[in-house]
Amino acid sequence: MKHMEHEKSDILVTGEKRQEGVKIMEQKVYKVMRGAGATNIAVGIITLVVGLVSGILLIVTGARLIAGKSKLLF
């Protein structure tokens, strides 16, 4: 019975039986997609953190310049 269940999963909607090479290629594609998705998430998080830190630094230095404006002599 197990063999029949395995065979059912190998049959496409069209009724054609999948070749072994097609399964391997699909697995490779899914692995590549999973890796690309994980990389995109990691780069997105890093970009978010760098953006927040640089934004905070810009605000702080801008505030210091404005606060020290009266001390400048030209």
N, C-alpha and C. Protein backbone atom coordinates (compact mmCIF):
# COMPACT_ATOMS: atom_id res chain seq x y z
N MET A 1 0.82 -1.20 0.00
CA MET A 1 0.00 0.00 0.00
C MET A 1 0.87 1.26 0.00
N LYS A 2 1.99 1.21 0.72
CA LYS A 2 2.87 2.38 0.76
C LYS A 2 3.37 2.74 -0.63
N HIS A 3 3.64 1.71 -1.43
CA HIS A 3 4.13 1.97 -2.78
C HIS A 3 3.11 2.73 -3.61
N MET A 4 1.86 2.41 -3.45
CA MET A 4 0.80 3.09 -4.19
C MET A 4 0.68 4.54 -3.76
N GLU A 5 0.84 4.81 -2.45
CA GLU A 5 0.77 6.20 -1.98
C GLU A 5 1.92 7.00 -2.55
N HIS A 6 3.09 6.39 -2.59
CA HIS A 6 4.27 7.07 -3.14
C HIS A 6 4.06 7.36 -4.62
N GLU A 7 3.45 6.41 -5.31
CA GLU A 7 3.20 6.57 -6.73
C GLU A 7 2.22 7.71 -6.99
N LYS A 8 1.21 7.85 -6.13
CA LYS A 8 0.22 8.92 -6.30
C LYS A 8 0.88 10.28 -6.21
N SER A 9 1.86 10.42 -5.31
CA SER A 9 2.51 11.71 -5.16
C SER A 9 3.42 12.02 -6.35
N ASP A 10 3.80 11.00 -7.11
CA ASP A 10 4.66 11.20 -8.27
C ASP A 10 3.88 11.56 -9.53
N ILE A 11 2.56 11.47 -9.47
CA ILE A 11 1.75 11.71 -10.66
C ILE A 11 1.33 13.18 -10.69
N LEU A 12 1.58 13.83 -11.81
CA LEU A 12 1.19 15.23 -11.98
C LEU A 12 -0.31 15.32 -12.18
N VAL A 13 -0.83 16.53 -12.19
CA VAL A 13 -2.25 16.75 -12.41
C VAL A 13 -2.66 16.21 -13.79
N THR A 14 -1.75 16.27 -14.72
CA THR A 14 -2.06 15.81 -16.07
C THR A 14 -2.07 14.29 -16.18
N GLY A 15 -1.64 13.60 -15.11
CA GLY A 15 -1.62 12.14 -15.14
C GLY A 15 -0.28 11.58 -15.55
N GLU A 16 0.67 12.45 -15.89
CA GLU A 16 1.99 11.98 -16.29
C GLU A 16 2.82 11.68 -15.05
N LYS A 17 3.67 10.70 -15.18
CA LYS A 17 4.54 10.35 -14.06
C LYS A 17 5.78 11.24 -14.12
N ARG A 18 6.19 11.77 -12.97
CA ARG A 18 7.38 12.64 -12.92
C ARG A 18 8.64 11.82 -13.07
N GLN A 19 9.61 12.42 -13.68
CA GLN A 19 10.92 11.78 -13.78
C GLN A 19 11.72 12.13 -12.53
N GLU A 20 12.66 11.30 -12.19
CA GLU A 20 13.46 11.50 -10.98
C GLU A 20 14.26 12.79 -11.07
N GLY A 21 14.76 13.14 -12.24
CA GLY A 21 15.54 14.36 -12.42
C GLY A 21 14.73 15.62 -12.17
N VAL A 22 13.45 15.57 -12.48
CA VAL A 22 12.57 16.72 -12.27
C VAL A 22 12.41 16.98 -10.77
N LYS A 23 12.27 15.91 -10.00
CA LYS A 23 12.14 16.06 -8.55
C LYS A 23 13.39 16.71 -7.96
N ILE A 24 14.54 16.25 -8.41
CA ILE A 24 15.80 16.78 -7.89
C ILE A 24 15.94 18.26 -8.25
N MET A 25 15.57 18.63 -9.46
CA MET A 25 15.65 20.03 -9.86
C MET A 25 14.69 20.89 -9.05
N GLU A 26 13.49 20.37 -8.78
CA GLU A 26 12.53 21.12 -7.97
C GLU A 26 13.07 21.33 -6.56
N GLN A 27 13.70 20.30 -6.01
CA GLN A 27 14.28 20.43 -4.68
C GLN A 27 15.38 21.49 -4.67
N LYS A 28 16.19 21.51 -5.71
CA LYS A 28 17.26 22.51 -5.80
C LYS A 28 16.68 23.91 -5.90
N VAL A 29 15.62 24.06 -6.69
CA VAL A 29 14.99 25.37 -6.84
C VAL A 29 14.44 25.85 -5.51
N TYR A 30 13.77 24.96 -4.76
CA TYR A 30 13.22 25.34 -3.46
C TYR A 30 14.32 25.70 -2.47
N LYS A 31 15.45 24.99 -2.53
CA LYS A 31 16.57 25.31 -1.63
C LYS A 31 17.15 26.68 -1.97
N VAL A 32 17.28 26.97 -3.26
CA VAL A 32 17.80 28.28 -3.68
C VAL A 32 16.84 29.38 -3.28
N MET A 33 15.54 29.15 -3.46
CA MET A 33 14.54 30.15 -3.07
C MET A 33 14.56 30.39 -1.57
N ARG A 34 14.71 29.32 -0.78
CA ARG A 34 14.76 29.45 0.67
C ARG A 34 15.99 30.25 1.08
N GLY A 35 17.14 29.97 0.45
CA GLY A 35 18.36 30.72 0.75
C GLY A 35 18.25 32.18 0.38
N ALA A 36 17.65 32.45 -0.77
CA ALA A 36 17.48 33.83 -1.22
C ALA A 36 16.53 34.58 -0.29
N GLY A 37 15.48 33.93 0.14
CA GLY A 37 14.53 34.56 1.06
C GLY A 37 15.18 34.88 2.40
N ALA A 38 15.96 33.93 2.92
CA ALA A 38 16.65 34.16 4.19
C ALA A 38 17.66 35.29 4.07
N THR A 39 18.36 35.34 2.96
CA THR A 39 19.33 36.41 2.74
C THR A 39 18.64 37.76 2.66
N ASN A 40 17.52 37.82 1.96
CA ASN A 40 16.77 39.07 1.85
C ASN A 40 16.29 39.57 3.21
N ILE A 41 15.83 38.66 4.04
CA ILE A 41 15.38 39.04 5.38
C ILE A 41 16.55 39.56 6.20
N ALA A 42 17.69 38.87 6.13
CA ALA A 42 18.86 39.30 6.90
C ALA A 42 19.35 40.67 6.45
N VAL A 43 19.43 40.89 5.14
CA VAL A 43 19.88 42.18 4.62
C VAL A 43 18.88 43.28 4.98
N GLY A 44 17.61 42.96 4.96
CA GLY A 44 16.58 43.93 5.34
C GLY A 44 16.71 44.36 6.79
N ILE A 45 16.96 43.40 7.67
CA ILE A 45 17.12 43.72 9.09
C ILE A 45 18.37 44.57 9.30
N ILE A 46 19.46 44.19 8.64
CA ILE A 46 20.71 44.96 8.77
C ILE A 46 20.51 46.39 8.26
N THR A 47 19.83 46.53 7.12
CA THR A 47 19.56 47.85 6.57
C THR A 47 18.71 48.68 7.51
N LEU A 48 17.72 48.07 8.11
CA LEU A 48 16.86 48.76 9.06
C LEU A 48 17.65 49.26 10.26
N VAL A 49 18.51 48.42 10.80
CA VAL A 49 19.31 48.81 11.97
C VAL A 49 20.28 49.92 11.61
N VAL A 50 20.97 49.79 10.48
CA VAL A 50 21.92 50.83 10.05
C VAL A 50 21.18 52.14 9.80
N GLY A 51 20.01 52.08 9.20
CA GLY A 51 19.23 53.29 8.95
C GLY A 51 18.81 53.98 10.23
N LEU A 52 18.37 53.20 11.20
CA LEU A 52 17.96 53.79 12.48
C LEU A 52 19.14 54.43 13.21
N VAL A 53 20.26 53.73 13.24
CA VAL A 53 21.44 54.26 13.93
C VAL A 53 21.94 55.53 13.26
N SER A 54 22.03 55.53 11.93
CA SER A 54 22.51 56.73 11.25
C SER A 54 21.52 57.88 11.40
N GLY A 55 20.23 57.59 11.39
CA GLY A 55 19.23 58.64 11.60
C GLY A 55 19.34 59.26 12.99
N ILE A 56 19.53 58.44 13.99
CA ILE A 56 19.69 58.94 15.35
C ILE A 56 20.95 59.79 15.47
N LEU A 57 22.04 59.31 14.86
CA LEU A 57 23.29 60.09 14.91
C LEU A 57 23.13 61.44 14.21
N LEU A 58 22.43 61.46 13.09
CA LEU A 58 22.21 62.73 12.38
C LEU A 58 21.39 63.70 13.23
N ILE A 59 20.38 63.20 13.89
CA ILE A 59 19.55 64.06 14.73
C ILE A 59 20.35 64.62 15.90
N VAL A 60 21.15 63.77 16.53
CA VAL A 60 21.95 64.21 17.68
C VAL A 60 22.98 65.25 17.26
N THR A 61 23.71 64.99 16.19
CA THR A 61 24.73 65.97 15.76
C THR A 61 24.08 67.27 15.27
N GLY A 62 22.93 67.17 14.62
CA GLY A 62 22.23 68.38 14.20
C GLY A 62 21.78 69.21 15.39
N ALA A 63 21.29 68.53 16.42
CA ALA A 63 20.86 69.24 17.62
C ALA A 63 22.04 69.91 18.31
N ARG A 64 23.19 69.25 18.32
CA ARG A 64 24.39 69.84 18.93
C ARG A 64 24.83 71.08 18.14
N LEU A 65 24.75 71.02 16.82
CA LEU A 65 25.12 72.19 16.01
C LEU A 65 24.18 73.36 16.28
N ILE A 66 22.90 73.08 16.34
CA ILE A 66 21.93 74.16 16.61
C ILE A 66 22.13 74.73 18.00
N ALA A 67 22.39 73.85 18.97
CA ALA A 67 22.58 74.32 20.35
C ALA A 67 23.86 75.15 20.48
N GLY A 68 24.88 74.81 19.72
CA GLY A 68 26.15 75.54 19.81
C GLY A 68 26.27 76.68 18.83
N LYS A 69 25.19 77.02 18.15
CA LYS A 69 25.20 78.09 17.14
C LYS A 69 25.58 79.43 17.73
N SER A 70 25.14 79.70 18.93
CA SER A 70 25.40 81.03 19.54
C SER A 70 26.86 81.19 19.93
N LYS A 71 27.59 80.13 20.05
CA LYS A 71 29.00 80.17 20.46
C LYS A 71 29.95 80.42 19.29
N LEU A 72 29.45 80.38 18.07
CA LEU A 72 30.30 80.53 16.90
C LEU A 72 30.56 82.02 16.62
N LEU A 73 31.78 82.32 16.26
CA LEU A 73 32.16 83.67 15.87
C LEU A 73 32.64 83.67 14.42
N PHE A 74 32.18 84.64 13.64
CA PHE A 74 32.63 84.75 12.24
C PHE A 74 33.41 86.00 12.05
